[in-house]
Amino acid sequence: MKSYRKELWFRTQHRREFINITSEVEQCLHESGVKEGILLCNAMHITASVFINDDESGLHQDFETWLEKLAPEKPYSQYRHNTAEDNADAHLKRTVMGREVVVAVTQGKLDFGPWEQIFYGEFDGKREKRVLVKIIGE
């Protein structure tokens, strides 16, 4: 049984962004040497997310619009959390989009369905944050 761990670091240019990290995760899988097993990929910050979906720009804009309706960034005063910070909406958006993904590894590849890709979702950006990739298998 092999075990592999790597941290991927991201600094976004905007407060909110969606970044396709599939190629970085696939590189981790290649480095691990695991051919059969499980890959866990999770955001290590409470205002960021890792999720699986389609890499389609219209869909990403739909996510942005939908999330902003659910938890609008402003006015900051609408949130009790925002007494010392201005990111309560980011915490809520992360909760909706999820913390992590788990993907089966089969014959050395991520065992995806059609169109599936892994994304890093940033909801309170412009600073360095990390994503953990943990792979266990043979």
N, C-alpha and C. Protein backbone atom coordinates (compact mmCIF):
# COMPACT_ATOMS: atom_id res chain seq x y z
N MET A 1 0.85 -1.19 0.00
CA MET A 1 0.00 0.00 0.00
C MET A 1 0.89 1.25 0.00
N LYS A 2 0.63 2.14 -0.94
CA LYS A 2 1.36 3.41 -1.03
C LYS A 2 0.50 4.52 -0.46
N SER A 3 1.18 5.54 0.03
CA SER A 3 0.50 6.74 0.50
C SER A 3 1.26 7.95 -0.03
N TYR A 4 0.55 8.92 -0.53
CA TYR A 4 1.15 10.12 -1.14
C TYR A 4 0.40 11.34 -0.63
N ARG A 5 1.14 12.41 -0.35
CA ARG A 5 0.53 13.66 0.12
C ARG A 5 1.25 14.84 -0.53
N LYS A 6 0.48 15.78 -1.04
CA LYS A 6 1.06 17.00 -1.60
C LYS A 6 0.10 18.16 -1.40
N GLU A 7 0.66 19.34 -1.15
CA GLU A 7 -0.14 20.56 -1.04
C GLU A 7 0.04 21.37 -2.32
N LEU A 8 -1.08 21.81 -2.89
CA LEU A 8 -1.08 22.70 -4.03
C LEU A 8 -1.45 24.09 -3.52
N TRP A 9 -0.71 25.10 -3.94
CA TRP A 9 -0.94 26.47 -3.46
C TRP A 9 -1.52 27.34 -4.56
N PHE A 10 -2.47 28.19 -4.17
CA PHE A 10 -3.13 29.08 -5.12
C PHE A 10 -3.25 30.48 -4.53
N ARG A 11 -3.06 31.47 -5.38
CA ARG A 11 -3.33 32.87 -5.05
C ARG A 11 -4.15 33.44 -6.20
N THR A 12 -5.41 33.71 -5.95
CA THR A 12 -6.27 34.21 -7.00
C THR A 12 -6.12 35.72 -7.17
N GLN A 13 -6.50 36.18 -8.33
CA GLN A 13 -6.44 37.61 -8.64
C GLN A 13 -7.71 38.34 -8.18
N HIS A 14 -8.77 37.56 -7.94
CA HIS A 14 -10.07 38.14 -7.59
C HIS A 14 -10.58 37.52 -6.31
N ARG A 15 -11.56 38.14 -5.71
CA ARG A 15 -12.17 37.61 -4.49
C ARG A 15 -12.78 36.24 -4.73
N ARG A 16 -13.46 36.08 -5.88
CA ARG A 16 -14.08 34.80 -6.21
C ARG A 16 -13.59 34.32 -7.57
N GLU A 17 -13.15 33.07 -7.61
CA GLU A 17 -12.71 32.45 -8.86
C GLU A 17 -12.94 30.95 -8.80
N PHE A 18 -13.10 30.37 -9.97
CA PHE A 18 -13.12 28.92 -10.13
C PHE A 18 -11.94 28.54 -11.01
N ILE A 19 -11.09 27.64 -10.52
CA ILE A 19 -9.88 27.23 -11.24
C ILE A 19 -9.93 25.73 -11.48
N ASN A 20 -9.78 25.34 -12.73
CA ASN A 20 -9.71 23.92 -13.06
C ASN A 20 -8.34 23.40 -12.63
N ILE A 21 -8.33 22.50 -11.65
CA ILE A 21 -7.06 21.96 -11.12
C ILE A 21 -6.86 20.49 -11.51
N THR A 22 -7.64 20.02 -12.46
CA THR A 22 -7.56 18.61 -12.85
C THR A 22 -6.15 18.21 -13.26
N SER A 23 -5.48 19.02 -14.07
CA SER A 23 -4.14 18.63 -14.54
C SER A 23 -3.15 18.57 -13.38
N GLU A 24 -3.25 19.48 -12.42
CA GLU A 24 -2.36 19.44 -11.25
C GLU A 24 -2.61 18.18 -10.42
N VAL A 25 -3.89 17.81 -10.26
CA VAL A 25 -4.23 16.61 -9.50
C VAL A 25 -3.77 15.37 -10.25
N GLU A 26 -3.94 15.35 -11.58
CA GLU A 26 -3.45 14.22 -12.37
C GLU A 26 -1.93 14.09 -12.26
N GLN A 27 -1.21 15.20 -12.18
CA GLN A 27 0.24 15.16 -12.01
C GLN A 27 0.59 14.53 -10.65
N CYS A 28 -0.17 14.88 -9.63
CA CYS A 28 0.03 14.26 -8.32
C CYS A 28 -0.16 12.75 -8.40
N LEU A 29 -1.20 12.32 -9.09
CA LEU A 29 -1.46 10.89 -9.24
C LEU A 29 -0.29 10.21 -9.95
N HIS A 30 0.22 10.84 -11.00
CA HIS A 30 1.38 10.29 -11.70
C HIS A 30 2.58 10.18 -10.76
N GLU A 31 2.85 11.24 -9.99
CA GLU A 31 3.98 11.23 -9.04
C GLU A 31 3.83 10.14 -7.98
N SER A 32 2.59 9.86 -7.59
CA SER A 32 2.34 8.88 -6.51
C SER A 32 2.67 7.46 -6.93
N GLY A 33 2.54 7.15 -8.21
CA GLY A 33 2.75 5.79 -8.68
C GLY A 33 1.59 4.86 -8.39
N VAL A 34 0.51 5.37 -7.80
CA VAL A 34 -0.65 4.55 -7.47
C VAL A 34 -1.44 4.23 -8.75
N LYS A 35 -1.75 2.96 -8.92
CA LYS A 35 -2.53 2.52 -10.08
C LYS A 35 -3.97 2.17 -9.72
N GLU A 36 -4.19 1.72 -8.51
CA GLU A 36 -5.53 1.36 -8.02
C GLU A 36 -5.66 1.89 -6.60
N GLY A 37 -6.69 2.74 -6.38
CA GLY A 37 -6.86 3.29 -5.05
C GLY A 37 -7.86 4.42 -5.01
N ILE A 38 -7.61 5.33 -4.09
CA ILE A 38 -8.52 6.45 -3.83
C ILE A 38 -7.70 7.73 -3.74
N LEU A 39 -8.24 8.80 -4.33
CA LEU A 39 -7.63 10.13 -4.25
C LEU A 39 -8.60 11.06 -3.53
N LEU A 40 -8.10 11.73 -2.51
CA LEU A 40 -8.84 12.76 -1.79
C LEU A 40 -8.22 14.10 -2.13
N CYS A 41 -9.05 15.08 -2.44
CA CYS A 41 -8.57 16.43 -2.73
C CYS A 41 -9.46 17.38 -1.96
N ASN A 42 -8.87 18.15 -1.02
CA ASN A 42 -9.69 19.04 -0.22
C ASN A 42 -9.05 20.41 0.00
N ALA A 43 -9.93 21.40 0.07
CA ALA A 43 -9.50 22.75 0.41
C ALA A 43 -9.13 22.78 1.89
N MET A 44 -8.03 23.45 2.20
CA MET A 44 -7.57 23.53 3.58
C MET A 44 -7.85 24.90 4.19
N HIS A 45 -8.85 25.56 3.66
CA HIS A 45 -9.27 26.88 4.16
C HIS A 45 -10.78 26.93 4.17
N ILE A 46 -11.36 27.59 5.14
CA ILE A 46 -12.81 27.56 5.33
C ILE A 46 -13.57 28.53 4.44
N THR A 47 -12.87 29.21 3.56
CA THR A 47 -13.54 30.07 2.58
C THR A 47 -13.19 29.65 1.14
N ALA A 48 -12.81 28.39 0.97
CA ALA A 48 -12.49 27.85 -0.34
C ALA A 48 -13.10 26.45 -0.45
N SER A 49 -13.21 25.97 -1.68
CA SER A 49 -13.91 24.73 -1.95
C SER A 49 -13.16 23.92 -3.00
N VAL A 50 -13.39 22.62 -2.99
CA VAL A 50 -12.98 21.75 -4.09
C VAL A 50 -14.23 20.97 -4.49
N PHE A 51 -14.52 20.95 -5.79
CA PHE A 51 -15.73 20.29 -6.26
C PHE A 51 -15.50 19.73 -7.66
N ILE A 52 -16.38 18.86 -8.09
CA ILE A 52 -16.31 18.27 -9.43
C ILE A 52 -17.52 18.74 -10.22
N ASN A 53 -17.25 19.19 -11.44
CA ASN A 53 -18.33 19.56 -12.35
C ASN A 53 -17.76 19.73 -13.75
N ASP A 54 -18.55 20.29 -14.64
CA ASP A 54 -18.19 20.50 -16.04
C ASP A 54 -17.38 21.79 -16.17
N ASP A 55 -16.40 21.79 -17.06
CA ASP A 55 -15.59 22.99 -17.31
C ASP A 55 -16.24 23.79 -18.43
N GLU A 56 -17.30 24.49 -18.10
CA GLU A 56 -18.06 25.26 -19.07
C GLU A 56 -18.30 26.64 -18.49
N SER A 57 -17.85 27.68 -19.19
CA SER A 57 -17.86 29.04 -18.64
C SER A 57 -19.26 29.54 -18.28
N GLY A 58 -20.26 29.18 -19.06
CA GLY A 58 -21.63 29.58 -18.72
C GLY A 58 -22.07 28.99 -17.41
N LEU A 59 -21.72 27.73 -17.17
CA LEU A 59 -22.05 27.08 -15.91
C LEU A 59 -21.34 27.77 -14.75
N HIS A 60 -20.10 28.13 -14.94
CA HIS A 60 -19.35 28.81 -13.87
C HIS A 60 -19.99 30.16 -13.54
N GLN A 61 -20.45 30.87 -14.54
CA GLN A 61 -21.17 32.14 -14.29
C GLN A 61 -22.49 31.87 -13.57
N ASP A 62 -23.15 30.75 -13.93
CA ASP A 62 -24.37 30.38 -13.22
C ASP A 62 -24.09 30.10 -11.74
N PHE A 63 -22.98 29.41 -11.45
CA PHE A 63 -22.59 29.19 -10.06
C PHE A 63 -22.43 30.52 -9.34
N GLU A 64 -21.68 31.43 -9.95
CA GLU A 64 -21.42 32.74 -9.35
C GLU A 64 -22.73 33.47 -9.07
N THR A 65 -23.63 33.51 -10.03
CA THR A 65 -24.91 34.21 -9.87
C THR A 65 -25.75 33.56 -8.78
N TRP A 66 -25.83 32.23 -8.82
CA TRP A 66 -26.63 31.49 -7.84
C TRP A 66 -26.09 31.66 -6.43
N LEU A 67 -24.76 31.53 -6.27
CA LEU A 67 -24.15 31.68 -4.95
C LEU A 67 -24.34 33.09 -4.40
N GLU A 68 -24.25 34.08 -5.28
CA GLU A 68 -24.41 35.46 -4.84
C GLU A 68 -25.86 35.73 -4.41
N LYS A 69 -26.82 35.05 -5.01
CA LYS A 69 -28.21 35.16 -4.56
C LYS A 69 -28.40 34.50 -3.21
N LEU A 70 -27.76 33.35 -3.01
CA LEU A 70 -27.88 32.62 -1.74
C LEU A 70 -27.22 33.36 -0.59
N ALA A 71 -26.02 33.89 -0.85
CA ALA A 71 -25.24 34.55 0.20
C ALA A 71 -24.54 35.77 -0.40
N PRO A 72 -25.26 36.88 -0.53
CA PRO A 72 -24.66 38.06 -1.14
C PRO A 72 -23.50 38.60 -0.31
N GLU A 73 -22.47 39.04 -1.02
CA GLU A 73 -21.30 39.60 -0.32
C GLU A 73 -21.67 40.84 0.49
N LYS A 74 -22.46 41.73 -0.12
CA LYS A 74 -22.80 43.00 0.52
C LYS A 74 -24.31 43.11 0.70
N PRO A 75 -24.79 43.86 1.67
CA PRO A 75 -24.00 44.64 2.61
C PRO A 75 -23.35 43.75 3.67
N TYR A 76 -22.12 44.09 4.02
CA TYR A 76 -21.37 43.32 5.01
C TYR A 76 -22.10 43.26 6.34
N SER A 77 -22.86 44.30 6.64
CA SER A 77 -23.55 44.39 7.94
C SER A 77 -24.66 43.36 8.12
N GLN A 78 -25.05 42.65 7.07
CA GLN A 78 -26.12 41.66 7.20
C GLN A 78 -25.69 40.40 7.94
N TYR A 79 -24.38 40.24 8.17
CA TYR A 79 -23.86 39.03 8.80
C TYR A 79 -23.25 39.34 10.16
N ARG A 80 -23.59 38.54 11.15
CA ARG A 80 -23.01 38.69 12.49
C ARG A 80 -21.52 38.41 12.50
N HIS A 81 -21.07 37.51 11.65
CA HIS A 81 -19.64 37.16 11.57
C HIS A 81 -18.79 38.37 11.17
N ASN A 82 -19.36 39.30 10.45
CA ASN A 82 -18.59 40.40 9.87
C ASN A 82 -18.30 41.55 10.84
N THR A 83 -18.12 41.25 12.10
CA THR A 83 -17.72 42.32 13.03
C THR A 83 -16.22 42.60 12.92
N ALA A 84 -15.43 41.56 12.67
CA ALA A 84 -13.98 41.73 12.54
C ALA A 84 -13.50 41.48 11.11
N GLU A 85 -14.31 40.78 10.32
CA GLU A 85 -13.95 40.45 8.94
C GLU A 85 -15.11 40.79 8.03
N ASP A 86 -14.89 40.64 6.71
CA ASP A 86 -15.96 40.90 5.75
C ASP A 86 -16.20 39.69 4.85
N ASN A 87 -16.03 38.49 5.41
CA ASN A 87 -16.09 37.30 4.55
C ASN A 87 -17.13 36.26 4.96
N ALA A 88 -18.15 36.65 5.68
CA ALA A 88 -19.18 35.68 6.08
C ALA A 88 -19.79 35.00 4.87
N ASP A 89 -20.01 35.77 3.79
CA ASP A 89 -20.59 35.17 2.59
C ASP A 89 -19.70 34.06 2.04
N ALA A 90 -18.38 34.22 2.14
CA ALA A 90 -17.43 33.23 1.64
C ALA A 90 -17.55 31.92 2.41
N HIS A 91 -17.76 32.00 3.72
CA HIS A 91 -17.95 30.81 4.54
C HIS A 91 -19.22 30.06 4.10
N LEU A 92 -20.27 30.81 3.85
CA LEU A 92 -21.53 30.19 3.43
C LEU A 92 -21.43 29.57 2.04
N LYS A 93 -20.77 30.26 1.13
CA LYS A 93 -20.60 29.74 -0.24
C LYS A 93 -19.77 28.46 -0.22
N ARG A 94 -18.75 28.42 0.60
CA ARG A 94 -17.94 27.21 0.72
C ARG A 94 -18.78 26.04 1.22
N THR A 95 -19.64 26.30 2.19
CA THR A 95 -20.48 25.24 2.74
C THR A 95 -21.36 24.63 1.65
N VAL A 96 -21.90 25.46 0.78
CA VAL A 96 -22.76 24.99 -0.30
C VAL A 96 -21.96 24.20 -1.34
N MET A 97 -20.79 24.69 -1.71
CA MET A 97 -19.99 24.06 -2.78
C MET A 97 -19.18 22.86 -2.29
N GLY A 98 -18.97 22.74 -1.00
CA GLY A 98 -18.31 21.56 -0.45
C GLY A 98 -16.82 21.76 -0.20
N ARG A 99 -16.30 20.90 0.65
CA ARG A 99 -14.92 20.97 1.09
C ARG A 99 -13.99 20.12 0.23
N GLU A 100 -14.44 18.93 -0.21
CA GLU A 100 -13.54 17.99 -0.85
C GLU A 100 -14.22 17.11 -1.88
N VAL A 101 -13.37 16.41 -2.63
CA VAL A 101 -13.84 15.36 -3.53
C VAL A 101 -13.01 14.11 -3.28
N VAL A 102 -13.62 12.99 -3.53
CA VAL A 102 -12.94 11.70 -3.50
C VAL A 102 -13.16 11.07 -4.87
N VAL A 103 -12.07 10.63 -5.49
CA VAL A 103 -12.14 10.06 -6.84
C VAL A 103 -11.45 8.70 -6.82
N ALA A 104 -12.08 7.71 -7.40
CA ALA A 104 -11.45 6.40 -7.55
C ALA A 104 -10.30 6.50 -8.55
N VAL A 105 -9.26 5.74 -8.28
CA VAL A 105 -8.13 5.63 -9.19
C VAL A 105 -8.17 4.22 -9.77
N THR A 106 -8.25 4.14 -11.09
CA THR A 106 -8.34 2.86 -11.79
C THR A 106 -7.34 2.86 -12.94
N GLN A 107 -6.47 1.86 -12.95
CA GLN A 107 -5.44 1.72 -13.98
C GLN A 107 -4.62 3.01 -14.12
N GLY A 108 -4.32 3.64 -12.97
CA GLY A 108 -3.46 4.82 -12.93
C GLY A 108 -4.11 6.11 -13.39
N LYS A 109 -5.44 6.11 -13.53
CA LYS A 109 -6.15 7.31 -13.99
C LYS A 109 -7.30 7.65 -13.04
N LEU A 110 -7.66 8.92 -13.01
CA LEU A 110 -8.83 9.34 -12.27
C LEU A 110 -10.06 8.74 -12.95
N ASP A 111 -10.90 8.08 -12.20
CA ASP A 111 -12.04 7.36 -12.76
C ASP A 111 -13.26 8.29 -12.80
N PHE A 112 -13.23 9.20 -13.79
CA PHE A 112 -14.27 10.21 -13.97
C PHE A 112 -15.39 9.73 -14.86
N GLY A 113 -16.55 10.36 -14.68
CA GLY A 113 -17.63 10.23 -15.64
C GLY A 113 -17.41 11.25 -16.75
N PRO A 114 -18.26 11.23 -17.77
CA PRO A 114 -18.11 12.19 -18.87
C PRO A 114 -18.15 13.63 -18.36
N TRP A 115 -17.25 14.45 -18.85
CA TRP A 115 -17.17 15.89 -18.60
C TRP A 115 -16.69 16.27 -17.21
N GLU A 116 -16.47 15.30 -16.32
CA GLU A 116 -16.08 15.66 -14.95
C GLU A 116 -14.66 16.21 -14.89
N GLN A 117 -14.51 17.29 -14.14
CA GLN A 117 -13.23 17.94 -13.89
C GLN A 117 -13.22 18.37 -12.42
N ILE A 118 -12.02 18.57 -11.87
CA ILE A 118 -11.89 19.01 -10.48
C ILE A 118 -11.60 20.51 -10.47
N PHE A 119 -12.31 21.23 -9.61
CA PHE A 119 -12.16 22.67 -9.50
C PHE A 119 -11.84 23.12 -8.09
N TYR A 120 -11.02 24.16 -8.02
CA TYR A 120 -10.80 24.90 -6.79
C TYR A 120 -11.71 26.11 -6.86
N GLY A 121 -12.56 26.28 -5.86
CA GLY A 121 -13.44 27.44 -5.79
C GLY A 121 -12.96 28.36 -4.69
N GLU A 122 -12.66 29.58 -5.06
CA GLU A 122 -12.19 30.58 -4.10
C GLU A 122 -13.30 31.60 -3.87
N PHE A 123 -13.60 31.89 -2.61
CA PHE A 123 -14.68 32.81 -2.28
C PHE A 123 -14.22 34.00 -1.45
N ASP A 124 -12.96 34.02 -1.06
CA ASP A 124 -12.38 35.14 -0.31
C ASP A 124 -10.90 35.22 -0.66
N GLY A 125 -10.61 35.52 -1.91
CA GLY A 125 -9.27 35.37 -2.46
C GLY A 125 -8.33 36.53 -2.28
N LYS A 126 -7.35 36.54 -3.17
CA LYS A 126 -6.26 37.50 -3.22
C LYS A 126 -5.22 37.24 -2.14
N ARG A 127 -5.16 35.99 -1.66
CA ARG A 127 -4.10 35.59 -0.73
C ARG A 127 -3.84 34.11 -0.93
N GLU A 128 -2.67 33.67 -0.48
CA GLU A 128 -2.30 32.27 -0.70
C GLU A 128 -3.16 31.33 0.14
N LYS A 129 -3.61 30.28 -0.53
CA LYS A 129 -4.35 29.22 0.14
C LYS A 129 -3.92 27.89 -0.47
N ARG A 130 -4.18 26.81 0.26
CA ARG A 130 -3.70 25.52 -0.20
C ARG A 130 -4.81 24.48 -0.31
N VAL A 131 -4.51 23.50 -1.13
CA VAL A 131 -5.37 22.35 -1.36
C VAL A 131 -4.52 21.11 -1.08
N LEU A 132 -5.07 20.17 -0.36
CA LEU A 132 -4.39 18.92 -0.06
C LEU A 132 -4.80 17.85 -1.06
N VAL A 133 -3.81 17.13 -1.57
CA VAL A 133 -4.07 15.94 -2.37
C VAL A 133 -3.47 14.76 -1.61
N LYS A 134 -4.31 13.79 -1.27
CA LYS A 134 -3.88 12.58 -0.56
C LYS A 134 -4.32 11.39 -1.39
N ILE A 135 -3.37 10.51 -1.70
CA ILE A 135 -3.65 9.35 -2.54
C ILE A 135 -3.20 8.11 -1.78
N ILE A 136 -4.08 7.13 -1.73
CA ILE A 136 -3.77 5.86 -1.05
C ILE A 136 -4.14 4.73 -1.99
N GLY A 137 -3.24 3.77 -2.13
CA GLY A 137 -3.53 2.63 -2.99
C GLY A 137 -2.29 1.83 -3.32
N GLU A 138 -2.40 1.08 -4.38
CA GLU A 138 -1.30 0.19 -4.80
C GLU A 138 -0.83 0.54 -6.19
